[in-house]
């Protein structure tokens, strides 16, 4: 039984590598108007692809692929003067701020630091 499972695993792995080795472009385009506006895109038969369009100030696009486990992954993004901004299920997000921290921040905001009186300062001679 173990030999059979190993054989199936090996066949699946070789098939996955074989798919990538024999992958070819399914769709491809590239446009440039000569005035800074461009777009391009491609799709490959192994599930990898991308599309992007923009100009000198902003770019937006997406890329996608399928993991070896068969899970489709897609990331969309924009890039502009404020940086690169990806969006997708695979992009990690920060955990929510704990309630105690939110409460402390609210307290600090509502209770600004009191100015010290001249008499409170320690003088060193």
PDB file of N, CA and C in Angstrom:
ATOM      1  N   UNK A   1       0.823  -1.195   0.000  1.00  0.00           N
ATOM      2  CA  UNK A   1       0.000   0.000   0.000  1.00  0.00           C
ATOM      3  C   UNK A   1       0.869   1.262   0.000  1.00  0.00           C
ATOM      4  N   UNK A   2       1.929   1.275   0.814  1.00  0.00           N
ATOM      5  CA  UNK A   2       2.811   2.431   0.885  1.00  0.00           C
ATOM      6  C   UNK A   2       3.442   2.714  -0.478  1.00  0.00           C
ATOM      7  N   UNK A   3       3.852   1.643  -1.192  1.00  0.00           N
ATOM      8  CA  UNK A   3       4.450   1.839  -2.527  1.00  0.00           C
ATOM      9  C   UNK A   3       3.439   2.481  -3.470  1.00  0.00           C
ATOM     10  N   UNK A   4       2.171   2.064  -3.368  1.00  0.00           N
ATOM     11  CA  UNK A   4       1.132   2.613  -4.218  1.00  0.00           C
ATOM     12  C   UNK A   4       0.932   4.109  -3.937  1.00  0.00           C
ATOM     13  N   UNK A   5       0.898   4.493  -2.639  1.00  0.00           N
ATOM     14  CA  UNK A   5       0.733   5.894  -2.254  1.00  0.00           C
ATOM     15  C   UNK A   5       1.930   6.713  -2.744  1.00  0.00           C
ATOM     16  N   UNK A   6       3.137   6.184  -2.569  1.00  0.00           N
ATOM     17  CA  UNK A   6       4.329   6.883  -3.038  1.00  0.00           C
ATOM     18  C   UNK A   6       4.298   7.050  -4.553  1.00  0.00           C
ATOM     19  N   UNK A   7       3.846   6.026  -5.263  1.00  0.00           N
ATOM     20  CA  UNK A   7       3.762   6.104  -6.718  1.00  0.00           C
ATOM     21  C   UNK A   7       2.765   7.181  -7.138  1.00  0.00           C
ATOM     22  N   UNK A   8       1.595   7.221  -6.472  1.00  0.00           N
ATOM     23  CA  UNK A   8       0.603   8.246  -6.795  1.00  0.00           C
ATOM     24  C   UNK A   8       1.136   9.647  -6.499  1.00  0.00           C
ATOM     25  N   UNK A   9       1.840   9.808  -5.373  1.00  0.00           N
ATOM     26  CA  UNK A   9       2.431  11.091  -5.020  1.00  0.00           C
ATOM     27  C   UNK A   9       3.461  11.510  -6.063  1.00  0.00           C
ATOM     28  N   UNK A  10       4.284  10.569  -6.487  1.00  0.00           N
ATOM     29  CA  UNK A  10       5.300  10.859  -7.496  1.00  0.00           C
ATOM     30  C   UNK A  10       4.645  11.240  -8.825  1.00  0.00           C
ATOM     31  N   UNK A  11       3.592  10.528  -9.227  1.00  0.00           N
ATOM     32  CA  UNK A  11       2.891  10.839 -10.489  1.00  0.00           C
ATOM     33  C   UNK A  11       2.268  12.234 -10.403  1.00  0.00           C
ATOM     34  N   UNK A  12       1.662  12.573  -9.254  1.00  0.00           N
ATOM     35  CA  UNK A  12       1.051  13.896  -9.088  1.00  0.00           C
ATOM     36  C   UNK A  12       2.116  14.983  -9.150  1.00  0.00           C
ATOM     37  N   UNK A  13       3.263  14.767  -8.519  1.00  0.00           N
ATOM     38  CA  UNK A  13       4.337  15.753  -8.525  1.00  0.00           C
ATOM     39  C   UNK A  13       4.887  15.931  -9.933  1.00  0.00           C
ATOM     40  N   UNK A  14       5.128  14.816 -10.643  1.00  0.00           N
ATOM     41  CA  UNK A  14       5.649  14.887 -12.012  1.00  0.00           C
ATOM     42  C   UNK A  14       4.636  15.584 -12.914  1.00  0.00           C
ATOM     43  N   UNK A  15       3.343  15.314 -12.698  1.00  0.00           N
ATOM     44  CA  UNK A  15       2.315  15.971 -13.511  1.00  0.00           C
ATOM     45  C   UNK A  15       2.330  17.474 -13.296  1.00  0.00           C
ATOM     46  N   UNK A  16       2.483  17.904 -12.028  1.00  0.00           N
ATOM     47  CA  UNK A  16       2.516  19.338 -11.733  1.00  0.00           C
ATOM     48  C   UNK A  16       3.730  19.985 -12.382  1.00  0.00           C
ATOM     49  N   UNK A  17       4.893  19.344 -12.274  1.00  0.00           N
ATOM     50  CA  UNK A  17       6.105  19.875 -12.898  1.00  0.00           C
ATOM     51  C   UNK A  17       5.953  19.855 -14.410  1.00  0.00           C
ATOM     52  N   UNK A  18       5.355  18.791 -14.922  1.00  0.00           N
ATOM     53  CA  UNK A  18       5.138  18.656 -16.359  1.00  0.00           C
ATOM     54  C   UNK A  18       4.219  19.762 -16.872  1.00  0.00           C
ATOM     55  N   UNK A  19       3.163  20.105 -16.087  1.00  0.00           N
ATOM     56  CA  UNK A  19       2.257  21.180 -16.498  1.00  0.00           C
ATOM     57  C   UNK A  19       3.018  22.497 -16.634  1.00  0.00           C
ATOM     58  N   UNK A  20       3.894  22.793 -15.667  1.00  0.00           N
ATOM     59  CA  UNK A  20       4.677  24.030 -15.733  1.00  0.00           C
ATOM     60  C   UNK A  20       5.672  23.993 -16.894  1.00  0.00           C
ATOM     61  N   UNK A  21       6.279  22.831 -17.118  1.00  0.00           N
ATOM     62  CA  UNK A  21       7.280  22.707 -18.182  1.00  0.00           C
ATOM     63  C   UNK A  21       6.648  22.888 -19.561  1.00  0.00           C
ATOM     64  N   UNK A  22       5.391  22.490 -19.704  1.00  0.00           N
ATOM     65  CA  UNK A  22       4.725  22.591 -21.001  1.00  0.00           C
ATOM     66  C   UNK A  22       3.743  23.755 -21.074  1.00  0.00           C
ATOM     67  N   UNK A  23       3.781  24.634 -20.080  1.00  0.00           N
ATOM     68  CA  UNK A  23       2.881  25.786 -20.076  1.00  0.00           C
ATOM     69  C   UNK A  23       3.236  26.721 -21.223  1.00  0.00           C
ATOM     70  N   UNK A  24       2.203  27.337 -21.767  1.00  0.00           N
ATOM     71  CA  UNK A  24       2.442  28.320 -22.819  1.00  0.00           C
ATOM     72  C   UNK A  24       1.467  29.491 -22.636  1.00  0.00           C
ATOM     73  N   UNK A  25       1.774  30.574 -23.294  1.00  0.00           N
ATOM     74  CA  UNK A  25       0.973  31.787 -23.171  1.00  0.00           C
ATOM     75  C   UNK A  25      -0.375  31.564 -23.844  1.00  0.00           C
ATOM     76  N   UNK A  26      -1.421  31.814 -23.082  1.00  0.00           N
ATOM     77  CA  UNK A  26      -2.783  31.674 -23.567  1.00  0.00           C
ATOM     78  C   UNK A  26      -3.285  33.005 -24.124  1.00  0.00           C
ATOM     79  N   UNK A  27      -2.909  34.099 -23.467  1.00  0.00           N
ATOM     80  CA  UNK A  27      -3.336  35.445 -23.852  1.00  0.00           C
ATOM     81  C   UNK A  27      -2.203  36.394 -23.519  1.00  0.00           C
ATOM     82  N   UNK A  28      -1.956  37.366 -24.386  1.00  0.00           N
ATOM     83  CA  UNK A  28      -0.926  38.362 -24.113  1.00  0.00           C
ATOM     84  C   UNK A  28      -1.258  39.638 -24.875  1.00  0.00           C
ATOM     85  N   UNK A  29      -1.158  40.776 -24.189  1.00  0.00           N
ATOM     86  CA  UNK A  29      -1.325  42.051 -24.883  1.00  0.00           C
ATOM     87  C   UNK A  29      -0.434  43.098 -24.232  1.00  0.00           C
ATOM     88  N   UNK A  30      -0.078  44.082 -25.002  1.00  0.00           N
ATOM     89  CA  UNK A  30       0.748  45.184 -24.516  1.00  0.00           C
ATOM     90  C   UNK A  30       0.394  46.410 -25.344  1.00  0.00           C
ATOM     91  N   UNK A  31       0.059  47.504 -24.649  1.00  0.00           N
ATOM     92  CA  UNK A  31      -0.289  48.750 -25.329  1.00  0.00           C
ATOM     93  C   UNK A  31       0.467  49.892 -24.673  1.00  0.00           C
ATOM     94  N   UNK A  32       0.934  50.821 -25.487  1.00  0.00           N
ATOM     95  CA  UNK A  32       1.620  52.017 -25.001  1.00  0.00           C
ATOM     96  C   UNK A  32       1.269  53.132 -25.973  1.00  0.00           C
ATOM     97  N   UNK A  33       0.644  54.192 -25.467  1.00  0.00           N
ATOM     98  CA  UNK A  33       0.210  55.256 -26.375  1.00  0.00           C
ATOM     99  C   UNK A  33       1.302  56.281 -26.687  1.00  0.00           C
ATOM    100  N   UNK A  34       2.497  56.095 -26.116  1.00  0.00           N
ATOM    101  CA  UNK A  34       3.576  57.022 -26.375  1.00  0.00           C
ATOM    102  C   UNK A  34       3.503  58.298 -25.552  1.00  0.00           C
ATOM    103  N   UNK A  35       2.459  58.427 -24.739  1.00  0.00           N
ATOM    104  CA  UNK A  35       2.281  59.610 -23.902  1.00  0.00           C
ATOM    105  C   UNK A  35       2.253  59.228 -22.415  1.00  0.00           C
ATOM    106  N   UNK A  36       2.824  58.096 -22.077  1.00  0.00           N
ATOM    107  CA  UNK A  36       2.893  57.681 -20.680  1.00  0.00           C
ATOM    108  C   UNK A  36       1.801  56.737 -20.229  1.00  0.00           C
ATOM    109  N   UNK A  37       0.776  56.510 -21.036  1.00  0.00           N
ATOM    110  CA  UNK A  37      -0.291  55.582 -20.678  1.00  0.00           C
ATOM    111  C   UNK A  37       0.046  54.209 -21.247  1.00  0.00           C
ATOM    112  N   UNK A  38      -0.104  53.180 -20.414  1.00  0.00           N
ATOM    113  CA  UNK A  38       0.234  51.838 -20.877  1.00  0.00           C
ATOM    114  C   UNK A  38      -0.722  50.823 -20.271  1.00  0.00           C
ATOM    115  N   UNK A  39      -0.735  49.648 -20.845  1.00  0.00           N
ATOM    116  CA  UNK A  39      -1.441  48.505 -20.272  1.00  0.00           C
ATOM    117  C   UNK A  39      -0.807  47.247 -20.837  1.00  0.00           C
ATOM    118  N   UNK A  40      -0.840  46.211 -20.045  1.00  0.00           N
ATOM    119  CA  UNK A  40      -0.356  44.920 -20.516  1.00  0.00           C
ATOM    120  C   UNK A  40      -1.034  43.823 -19.720  1.00  0.00           C
ATOM    121  N   UNK A  41      -0.985  42.643 -20.251  1.00  0.00           N
ATOM    122  CA  UNK A  41      -1.553  41.510 -19.543  1.00  0.00           C
ATOM    123  C   UNK A  41      -1.143  40.215 -20.191  1.00  0.00           C
ATOM    124  N   UNK A  42      -1.254  39.141 -19.429  1.00  0.00           N
ATOM    125  CA  UNK A  42      -0.970  37.815 -19.946  1.00  0.00           C
ATOM    126  C   UNK A  42      -1.649  36.766 -19.086  1.00  0.00           C
ATOM    127  N   UNK A  43      -1.919  35.642 -19.674  1.00  0.00           N
ATOM    128  CA  UNK A  43      -2.399  34.450 -18.984  1.00  0.00           C
ATOM    129  C   UNK A  43      -1.632  33.274 -19.546  1.00  0.00           C
ATOM    130  N   UNK A  44      -1.162  32.421 -18.655  1.00  0.00           N
ATOM    131  CA  UNK A  44      -0.418  31.232 -19.049  1.00  0.00           C
ATOM    132  C   UNK A  44      -1.272  30.012 -18.716  1.00  0.00           C
ATOM    133  N   UNK A  45      -1.146  28.960 -19.476  1.00  0.00           N
ATOM    134  CA  UNK A  45      -2.005  27.788 -19.306  1.00  0.00           C
ATOM    135  C   UNK A  45      -1.858  27.104 -17.951  1.00  0.00           C
ATOM    136  N   UNK A  46      -0.818  27.420 -17.184  1.00  0.00           N
ATOM    137  CA  UNK A  46      -0.658  26.812 -15.861  1.00  0.00           C
ATOM    138  C   UNK A  46      -1.353  27.628 -14.771  1.00  0.00           C
ATOM    139  N   UNK A  47      -2.128  28.649 -15.137  1.00  0.00           N
ATOM    140  CA  UNK A  47      -2.893  29.416 -14.156  1.00  0.00           C
ATOM    141  C   UNK A  47      -2.243  30.699 -13.694  1.00  0.00           C
ATOM    142  N   UNK A  48      -1.073  31.025 -14.202  1.00  0.00           N
ATOM    143  CA  UNK A  48      -0.396  32.262 -13.833  1.00  0.00           C
ATOM    144  C   UNK A  48      -0.823  33.359 -14.801  1.00  0.00           C
ATOM    145  N   UNK A  49      -1.054  34.565 -14.272  1.00  0.00           N
ATOM    146  CA  UNK A  49      -1.427  35.660 -15.146  1.00  0.00           C
ATOM    147  C   UNK A  49      -1.364  36.992 -14.435  1.00  0.00           C
ATOM    148  N   UNK A  50      -1.470  38.061 -15.206  1.00  0.00           N
ATOM    149  CA  UNK A  50      -1.435  39.408 -14.643  1.00  0.00           C
ATOM    150  C   UNK A  50      -2.028  40.388 -15.652  1.00  0.00           C
ATOM    151  N   UNK A  51      -2.511  41.501 -15.118  1.00  0.00           N
ATOM    152  CA  UNK A  51      -2.968  42.635 -15.925  1.00  0.00           C
ATOM    153  C   UNK A  51      -2.522  43.887 -15.195  1.00  0.00           C
ATOM    154  N   UNK A  52      -2.077  44.895 -15.944  1.00  0.00           N
ATOM    155  CA  UNK A  52      -1.675  46.151 -15.330  1.00  0.00           C
ATOM    156  C   UNK A  52      -1.934  47.277 -16.315  1.00  0.00           C
ATOM    157  N   UNK A  53      -2.322  48.434 -15.779  1.00  0.00           N
ATOM    158  CA  UNK A  53      -2.544  49.619 -16.614  1.00  0.00           C
ATOM    159  C   UNK A  53      -2.236  50.845 -15.780  1.00  0.00           C
ATOM    160  N   UNK A  54      -1.858  51.913 -16.446  1.00  0.00           N
ATOM    161  CA  UNK A  54      -1.597  53.138 -15.707  1.00  0.00           C
ATOM    162  C   UNK A  54      -0.909  54.184 -16.524  1.00  0.00           C
ATOM    163  N   UNK A  55      -0.365  55.140 -15.787  1.00  0.00           N
ATOM    164  CA  UNK A  55       0.379  56.231 -16.398  1.00  0.00           C
ATOM    165  C   UNK A  55       1.529  56.580 -15.464  1.00  0.00           C
ATOM    166  N   UNK A  56       2.091  57.757 -15.635  1.00  0.00           N
ATOM    167  CA  UNK A  56       3.256  58.131 -14.835  1.00  0.00           C
ATOM    168  C   UNK A  56       2.905  58.454 -13.386  1.00  0.00           C
ATOM    169  N   UNK A  57       1.616  58.599 -13.067  1.00  0.00           N
ATOM    170  CA  UNK A  57       1.208  58.972 -11.720  1.00  0.00           C
ATOM    171  C   UNK A  57       0.562  57.830 -10.942  1.00  0.00           C
ATOM    172  N   UNK A  58      -0.109  56.915 -11.635  1.00  0.00           N
ATOM    173  CA  UNK A  58      -0.810  55.836 -10.940  1.00  0.00           C
ATOM    174  C   UNK A  58      -0.859  54.576 -11.802  1.00  0.00           C
ATOM    175  N   UNK A  59      -0.709  53.461 -11.132  1.00  0.00           N
ATOM    176  CA  UNK A  59      -0.781  52.156 -11.792  1.00  0.00           C
ATOM    177  C   UNK A  59      -1.760  51.300 -11.005  1.00  0.00           C
ATOM    178  N   UNK A  60      -2.555  50.516 -11.700  1.00  0.00           N
ATOM    179  CA  UNK A  60      -3.426  49.551 -11.022  1.00  0.00           C
ATOM    180  C   UNK A  60      -3.354  48.242 -11.796  1.00  0.00           C
ATOM    181  N   UNK A  61      -3.518  47.167 -11.074  1.00  0.00           N
ATOM    182  CA  UNK A  61      -3.437  45.879 -11.735  1.00  0.00           C
ATOM    183  C   UNK A  61      -3.761  44.736 -10.804  1.00  0.00           C
ATOM    184  N   UNK A  62      -3.499  43.543 -11.291  1.00  0.00           N
ATOM    185  CA  UNK A  62      -3.701  42.334 -10.516  1.00  0.00           C
ATOM    186  C   UNK A  62      -2.796  41.248 -11.057  1.00  0.00           C
ATOM    187  N   UNK A  63      -2.485  40.275 -10.187  1.00  0.00           N
ATOM    188  CA  UNK A  63      -1.814  39.068 -10.639  1.00  0.00           C
ATOM    189  C   UNK A  63      -2.476  37.886  -9.959  1.00  0.00           C
ATOM    190  N   UNK A  64      -2.397  36.742 -10.600  1.00  0.00           N
ATOM    191  CA  UNK A  64      -3.039  35.553 -10.060  1.00  0.00           C
ATOM    192  C   UNK A  64      -2.243  34.308 -10.419  1.00  0.00           C
ATOM    193  N   UNK A  65      -2.432  33.296  -9.601  1.00  0.00           N
ATOM    194  CA  UNK A  65      -1.804  32.000  -9.835  1.00  0.00           C
ATOM    195  C   UNK A  65      -2.558  30.960  -9.028  1.00  0.00           C
ATOM    196  N   UNK A  66      -2.264  29.709  -9.265  1.00  0.00           N
ATOM    197  CA  UNK A  66      -2.852  28.612  -8.523  1.00  0.00           C
ATOM    198  C   UNK A  66      -1.726  27.894  -7.803  1.00  0.00           C
ATOM    199  N   UNK A  67      -1.904  27.664  -6.496  1.00  0.00           N
ATOM    200  CA  UNK A  67      -0.865  26.984  -5.720  1.00  0.00           C
ATOM    201  C   UNK A  67      -0.788  25.520  -6.142  1.00  0.00           C
ATOM    202  N   UNK A  68       0.279  24.856  -5.728  1.00  0.00           N
ATOM    203  CA  UNK A  68       0.430  23.425  -6.024  1.00  0.00           C
ATOM    204  C   UNK A  68      -0.703  22.612  -5.415  1.00  0.00           C
ATOM    205  N   UNK A  69      -1.340  23.159  -4.350  1.00  0.00           N
ATOM    206  CA  UNK A  69      -2.474  22.484  -3.716  1.00  0.00           C
ATOM    207  C   UNK A  69      -3.788  22.759  -4.452  1.00  0.00           C
ATOM    208  N   UNK A  70      -3.732  23.556  -5.513  1.00  0.00           N
ATOM    209  CA  UNK A  70      -4.915  23.847  -6.306  1.00  0.00           C
ATOM    210  C   UNK A  70      -5.719  25.040  -5.815  1.00  0.00           C
ATOM    211  N   UNK A  71      -5.160  25.838  -4.926  1.00  0.00           N
ATOM    212  CA  UNK A  71      -5.871  27.006  -4.385  1.00  0.00           C
ATOM    213  C   UNK A  71      -5.594  28.226  -5.266  1.00  0.00           C
ATOM    214  N   UNK A  72      -6.647  28.842  -5.812  1.00  0.00           N
ATOM    215  CA  UNK A  72      -6.424  30.049  -6.617  1.00  0.00           C
ATOM    216  C   UNK A  72      -6.085  31.235  -5.722  1.00  0.00           C
ATOM    217  N   UNK A  73      -5.101  32.023  -6.137  1.00  0.00           N
ATOM    218  CA  UNK A  73      -4.659  33.203  -5.395  1.00  0.00           C
ATOM    219  C   UNK A  73      -4.733  34.392  -6.345  1.00  0.00           C
ATOM    220  N   UNK A  74      -5.311  35.492  -5.847  1.00  0.00           N
ATOM    221  CA  UNK A  74      -5.393  36.709  -6.661  1.00  0.00           C
ATOM    222  C   UNK A  74      -5.076  37.906  -5.779  1.00  0.00           C
ATOM    223  N   UNK A  75      -4.220  38.781  -6.277  1.00  0.00           N
ATOM    224  CA  UNK A  75      -3.869  40.014  -5.578  1.00  0.00           C
ATOM    225  C   UNK A  75      -4.092  41.170  -6.551  1.00  0.00           C
ATOM    226  N   UNK A  76      -4.876  42.144  -6.114  1.00  0.00           N
ATOM    227  CA  UNK A  76      -5.024  43.367  -6.903  1.00  0.00           C
ATOM    228  C   UNK A  76      -4.250  44.469  -6.186  1.00  0.00           C
ATOM    229  N   UNK A  77      -3.875  45.496  -6.906  1.00  0.00           N
ATOM    230  CA  UNK A  77      -3.043  46.536  -6.306  1.00  0.00           C
ATOM    231  C   UNK A  77      -3.186  47.851  -7.040  1.00  0.00           C
ATOM    232  N   UNK A  78      -2.792  48.891  -6.330  1.00  0.00           N
ATOM    233  CA  UNK A  78      -2.588  50.205  -6.935  1.00  0.00           C
ATOM    234  C   UNK A  78      -1.224  50.682  -6.463  1.00  0.00           C
ATOM    235  N   UNK A  79      -0.607  51.515  -7.237  1.00  0.00           N
ATOM    236  CA  UNK A  79       0.661  52.134  -6.866  1.00  0.00           C
ATOM    237  C   UNK A  79       0.584  53.582  -7.317  1.00  0.00           C
ATOM    238  N   UNK A  80       0.902  54.468  -6.377  1.00  0.00           N
ATOM    239  CA  UNK A  80       0.827  55.893  -6.687  1.00  0.00           C
ATOM    240  C   UNK A  80       1.854  56.646  -5.842  1.00  0.00           C
ATOM    241  N   UNK A  81       1.702  57.934  -5.743  1.00  0.00           N
ATOM    242  CA  UNK A  81       2.658  58.745  -4.978  1.00  0.00           C
ATOM    243  C   UNK A  81       2.702  58.349  -3.508  1.00  0.00           C
ATOM    244  N   UNK A  82       1.665  57.679  -3.023  1.00  0.00           N
ATOM    245  CA  UNK A  82       1.603  57.252  -1.622  1.00  0.00           C
ATOM    246  C   UNK A  82       2.095  55.830  -1.412  1.00  0.00           C
ATOM    247  N   UNK A  83       2.591  55.166  -2.458  1.00  0.00           N
ATOM    248  CA  UNK A  83       3.151  53.834  -2.305  1.00  0.00           C
ATOM    249  C   UNK A  83       2.387  52.749  -3.024  1.00  0.00           C
ATOM    250  N   UNK A  84       2.741  51.508  -2.684  1.00  0.00           N
ATOM    251  CA  UNK A  84       2.159  50.298  -3.261  1.00  0.00           C
ATOM    252  C   UNK A  84       1.083  49.794  -2.304  1.00  0.00           C
ATOM    253  N   UNK A  85      -0.120  49.514  -2.817  1.00  0.00           N
ATOM    254  CA  UNK A  85      -1.250  49.130  -1.981  1.00  0.00           C
ATOM    255  C   UNK A  85      -1.872  47.836  -2.505  1.00  0.00           C
ATOM    256  N   UNK A  86      -1.408  46.679  -2.000  1.00  0.00           N
ATOM    257  CA  UNK A  86      -1.979  45.400  -2.439  1.00  0.00           C
ATOM    258  C   UNK A  86      -3.251  45.060  -1.668  1.00  0.00           C
ATOM    259  N   UNK A  87      -4.141  44.288  -2.304  1.00  0.00           N
ATOM    260  CA  UNK A  87      -5.379  43.829  -1.688  1.00  0.00           C
ATOM    261  C   UNK A  87      -5.609  42.385  -2.118  1.00  0.00           C
ATOM    262  N   UNK A  88      -5.945  41.540  -1.183  1.00  0.00           N
ATOM    263  CA  UNK A  88      -6.250  40.147  -1.502  1.00  0.00           C
ATOM    264  C   UNK A  88      -6.290  39.308  -0.242  1.00  0.00           C
ATOM    265  N   UNK A  89      -6.891  38.136  -0.341  1.00  0.00           N
ATOM    266  CA  UNK A  89      -7.027  37.250   0.818  1.00  0.00           C
ATOM    267  C   UNK A  89      -5.686  36.792   1.365  1.00  0.00           C
ATOM    268  N   UNK A  90      -4.633  36.755   0.552  1.00  0.00           N
ATOM    269  CA  UNK A  90      -3.332  36.277   1.016  1.00  0.00           C
ATOM    270  C   UNK A  90      -2.484  37.372   1.663  1.00  0.00           C
ATOM    271  N   UNK A  91      -2.947  38.627   1.605  1.00  0.00           N
ATOM    272  CA  UNK A  91      -2.205  39.728   2.206  1.00  0.00           C
ATOM    273  C   UNK A  91      -2.496  39.722   3.708  1.00  0.00           C
ATOM    274  N   UNK A  92      -1.464  39.618   4.552  1.00  0.00           N
ATOM    275  CA  UNK A  92      -1.704  39.627   5.992  1.00  0.00           C
ATOM    276  C   UNK A  92      -2.258  40.972   6.464  1.00  0.00           C
ATOM    277  N   UNK A  93      -3.118  40.918   7.466  1.00  0.00           N
ATOM    278  CA  UNK A  93      -3.665  42.140   8.045  1.00  0.00           C
ATOM    279  C   UNK A  93      -3.319  42.173   9.526  1.00  0.00           C
ATOM    280  N   UNK A  94      -3.217  43.368  10.046  1.00  0.00           N
ATOM    281  CA  UNK A  94      -2.889  43.525  11.463  1.00  0.00           C
ATOM    282  C   UNK A  94      -4.077  43.072  12.312  1.00  0.00           C
ATOM    283  N   UNK A  95      -3.799  42.469  13.471  1.00  0.00           N
ATOM    284  CA  UNK A  95      -4.906  42.086  14.351  1.00  0.00           C
ATOM    285  C   UNK A  95      -5.581  43.331  14.910  1.00  0.00           C
ATOM    286  N   UNK A  96      -6.828  43.199  15.377  1.00  0.00           N
ATOM    287  CA  UNK A  96      -7.499  44.373  15.936  1.00  0.00           C
ATOM    288  C   UNK A  96      -6.789  44.849  17.205  1.00  0.00           C
ATOM    289  N   UNK A  97      -6.870  46.142  17.465  1.00  0.00           N
ATOM    290  CA  UNK A  97      -6.263  46.712  18.664  1.00  0.00           C
ATOM    291  C   UNK A  97      -7.045  46.237  19.890  1.00  0.00           C
ATOM    292  N   UNK A  98      -6.343  45.720  20.905  1.00  0.00           N
ATOM    293  CA  UNK A  98      -7.038  45.239  22.110  1.00  0.00           C
ATOM    294  C   UNK A  98      -7.856  46.351  22.776  1.00  0.00           C
ATOM    295  N   UNK A  99      -9.017  46.011  23.339  1.00  0.00           N
ATOM    296  CA  UNK A  99      -9.882  47.021  23.977  1.00  0.00           C
ATOM    297  C   UNK A  99      -9.164  47.836  25.055  1.00  0.00           C
ATOM    298  N   UNK A 100      -8.284  47.218  25.846  1.00  0.00           N
ATOM    299  CA  UNK A 100      -7.578  47.956  26.905  1.00  0.00           C
ATOM    300  C   UNK A 100      -6.704  49.062  26.312  1.00  0.00           C
ATOM    301  N   UNK A 101      -6.073  48.793  25.176  1.00  0.00           N
ATOM    302  CA  UNK A 101      -5.240  49.810  24.518  1.00  0.00           C
ATOM    303  C   UNK A 101      -6.114  50.932  23.978  1.00  0.00           C
ATOM    304  N   UNK A 102      -7.244  50.585  23.356  1.00  0.00           N
ATOM    305  CA  UNK A 102      -8.154  51.612  22.847  1.00  0.00           C
ATOM    306  C   UNK A 102      -8.635  52.508  23.985  1.00  0.00           C
ATOM    307  N   UNK A 103      -8.958  51.901  25.135  1.00  0.00           N
ATOM    308  CA  UNK A 103      -9.415  52.657  26.298  1.00  0.00           C
ATOM    309  C   UNK A 103      -8.307  53.596  26.796  1.00  0.00           C
ATOM    310  N   UNK A 104      -7.076  53.088  26.849  1.00  0.00           N
ATOM    311  CA  UNK A 104      -5.944  53.914  27.299  1.00  0.00           C
ATOM    312  C   UNK A 104      -5.716  55.084  26.350  1.00  0.00           C
ATOM    313  N   UNK A 105      -5.786  54.835  25.045  1.00  0.00           N
ATOM    314  CA  UNK A 105      -5.599  55.915  24.071  1.00  0.00           C
ATOM    315  C   UNK A 105      -6.684  56.975  24.205  1.00  0.00           C
ATOM    316  N   UNK A 106      -7.909  56.542  24.440  1.00  0.00           N
ATOM    317  CA  UNK A 106      -9.016  57.482  24.624  1.00  0.00           C
ATOM    318  C   UNK A 106      -8.794  58.316  25.885  1.00  0.00           C
ATOM    319  N   UNK A 107      -8.317  57.685  26.962  1.00  0.00           N
ATOM    320  CA  UNK A 107      -8.037  58.399  28.214  1.00  0.00           C
ATOM    321  C   UNK A 107      -6.961  59.467  27.991  1.00  0.00           C
ATOM    322  N   UNK A 108      -5.901  59.071  27.307  1.00  0.00           N
ATOM    323  CA  UNK A 108      -4.801  60.013  27.035  1.00  0.00           C
ATOM    324  C   UNK A 108      -5.298  61.198  26.210  1.00  0.00           C
ATOM    325  N   UNK A 109      -6.127  60.915  25.233  1.00  0.00           N
ATOM    326  CA  UNK A 109      -6.666  61.976  24.382  1.00  0.00           C
ATOM    327  C   UNK A 109      -7.528  62.954  25.194  1.00  0.00           C
ATOM    328  N   UNK A 110      -8.330  62.424  26.126  1.00  0.00           N
ATOM    329  CA  UNK A 110      -9.244  63.253  26.911  1.00  0.00           C
ATOM    330  C   UNK A 110      -8.602  63.881  28.144  1.00  0.00           C
ATOM    331  N   UNK A 111      -7.383  63.479  28.495  1.00  0.00           N
ATOM    332  CA  UNK A 111      -6.694  64.014  29.663  1.00  0.00           C
ATOM    333  C   UNK A 111      -5.285  64.456  29.260  1.00  0.00           C
ATOM    334  N   UNK A 112      -5.188  65.592  28.590  1.00  0.00           N
ATOM    335  CA  UNK A 112      -3.858  66.050  28.159  1.00  0.00           C
ATOM    336  C   UNK A 112      -2.957  66.282  29.371  1.00  0.00           C
ATOM    337  N   UNK A 113      -1.697  66.134  29.136  1.00  0.00           N
ATOM    338  CA  UNK A 113      -0.695  66.299  30.191  1.00  0.00           C
ATOM    339  C   UNK A 113      -0.786  67.708  30.771  1.00  0.00           C
ATOM    340  N   UNK A 114      -0.879  67.796  32.073  1.00  0.00           N
ATOM    341  CA  UNK A 114      -0.958  69.101  32.741  1.00  0.00           C
ATOM    342  C   UNK A 114       0.408  69.770  32.694  1.00  0.00           C
ATOM    343  N   UNK A 115       0.398  71.065  32.495  1.00  0.00           N
ATOM    344  CA  UNK A 115       1.646  71.819  32.492  1.00  0.00           C
ATOM    345  C   UNK A 115       2.194  71.850  33.909  1.00  0.00           C
ATOM    346  N   UNK A 116       3.495  71.647  34.058  1.00  0.00           N
ATOM    347  CA  UNK A 116       4.124  71.691  35.374  1.00  0.00           C
ATOM    348  C   UNK A 116       4.341  73.147  35.780  1.00  0.00           C
ATOM    349  N   UNK A 117       4.155  73.408  37.044  1.00  0.00           N
ATOM    350  CA  UNK A 117       4.429  74.742  37.584  1.00  0.00           C
ATOM    351  C   UNK A 117       5.929  74.897  37.770  1.00  0.00           C
ATOM    352  N   UNK A 118       6.409  76.157  37.766  1.00  0.00           N
ATOM    353  CA  UNK A 118       7.829  76.420  37.975  1.00  0.00           C
ATOM    354  C   UNK A 118       8.287  75.853  39.306  1.00  0.00           C
ATOM    355  N   UNK A 119       7.431  75.875  40.327  1.00  0.00           N
ATOM    356  CA  UNK A 119       7.799  75.402  41.652  1.00  0.00           C
ATOM    357  C   UNK A 119       7.987  73.895  41.697  1.00  0.00           C
ATOM    358  N   UNK A 120       7.410  73.155  40.733  1.00  0.00           N
ATOM    359  CA  UNK A 120       7.518  71.703  40.719  1.00  0.00           C
ATOM    360  C   UNK A 120       8.858  71.232  40.173  1.00  0.00           C
ATOM    361  N   UNK A 121       9.555  72.103  39.466  1.00  0.00           N
ATOM    362  CA  UNK A 121      10.817  71.693  38.846  1.00  0.00           C
ATOM    363  C   UNK A 121      11.912  71.613  39.889  1.00  0.00           C
ATOM    364  N   UNK A 122      12.740  70.640  39.781  1.00  0.00           N
ATOM    365  CA  UNK A 122      13.889  70.508  40.681  1.00  0.00           C
ATOM    366  C   UNK A 122      15.059  71.241  40.057  1.00  0.00           C
ATOM    367  N   UNK A 123      15.746  72.027  40.889  1.00  0.00           N
ATOM    368  CA  UNK A 123      16.887  72.773  40.406  1.00  0.00           C
ATOM    369  C   UNK A 123      18.161  72.108  40.921  1.00  0.00           C
ATOM    370  N   UNK A 124      19.098  71.893  40.051  1.00  0.00           N
ATOM    371  CA  UNK A 124      20.388  71.309  40.422  1.00  0.00           C
ATOM    372  C   UNK A 124      21.450  72.392  40.287  1.00  0.00           C
ATOM    373  N   UNK A 125      22.223  72.534  41.330  1.00  0.00           N
ATOM    374  CA  UNK A 125      23.275  73.545  41.314  1.00  0.00           C
ATOM    375  C   UNK A 125      24.607  72.909  41.189  1.00  0.00           C
TER     376      UNK A 125
END
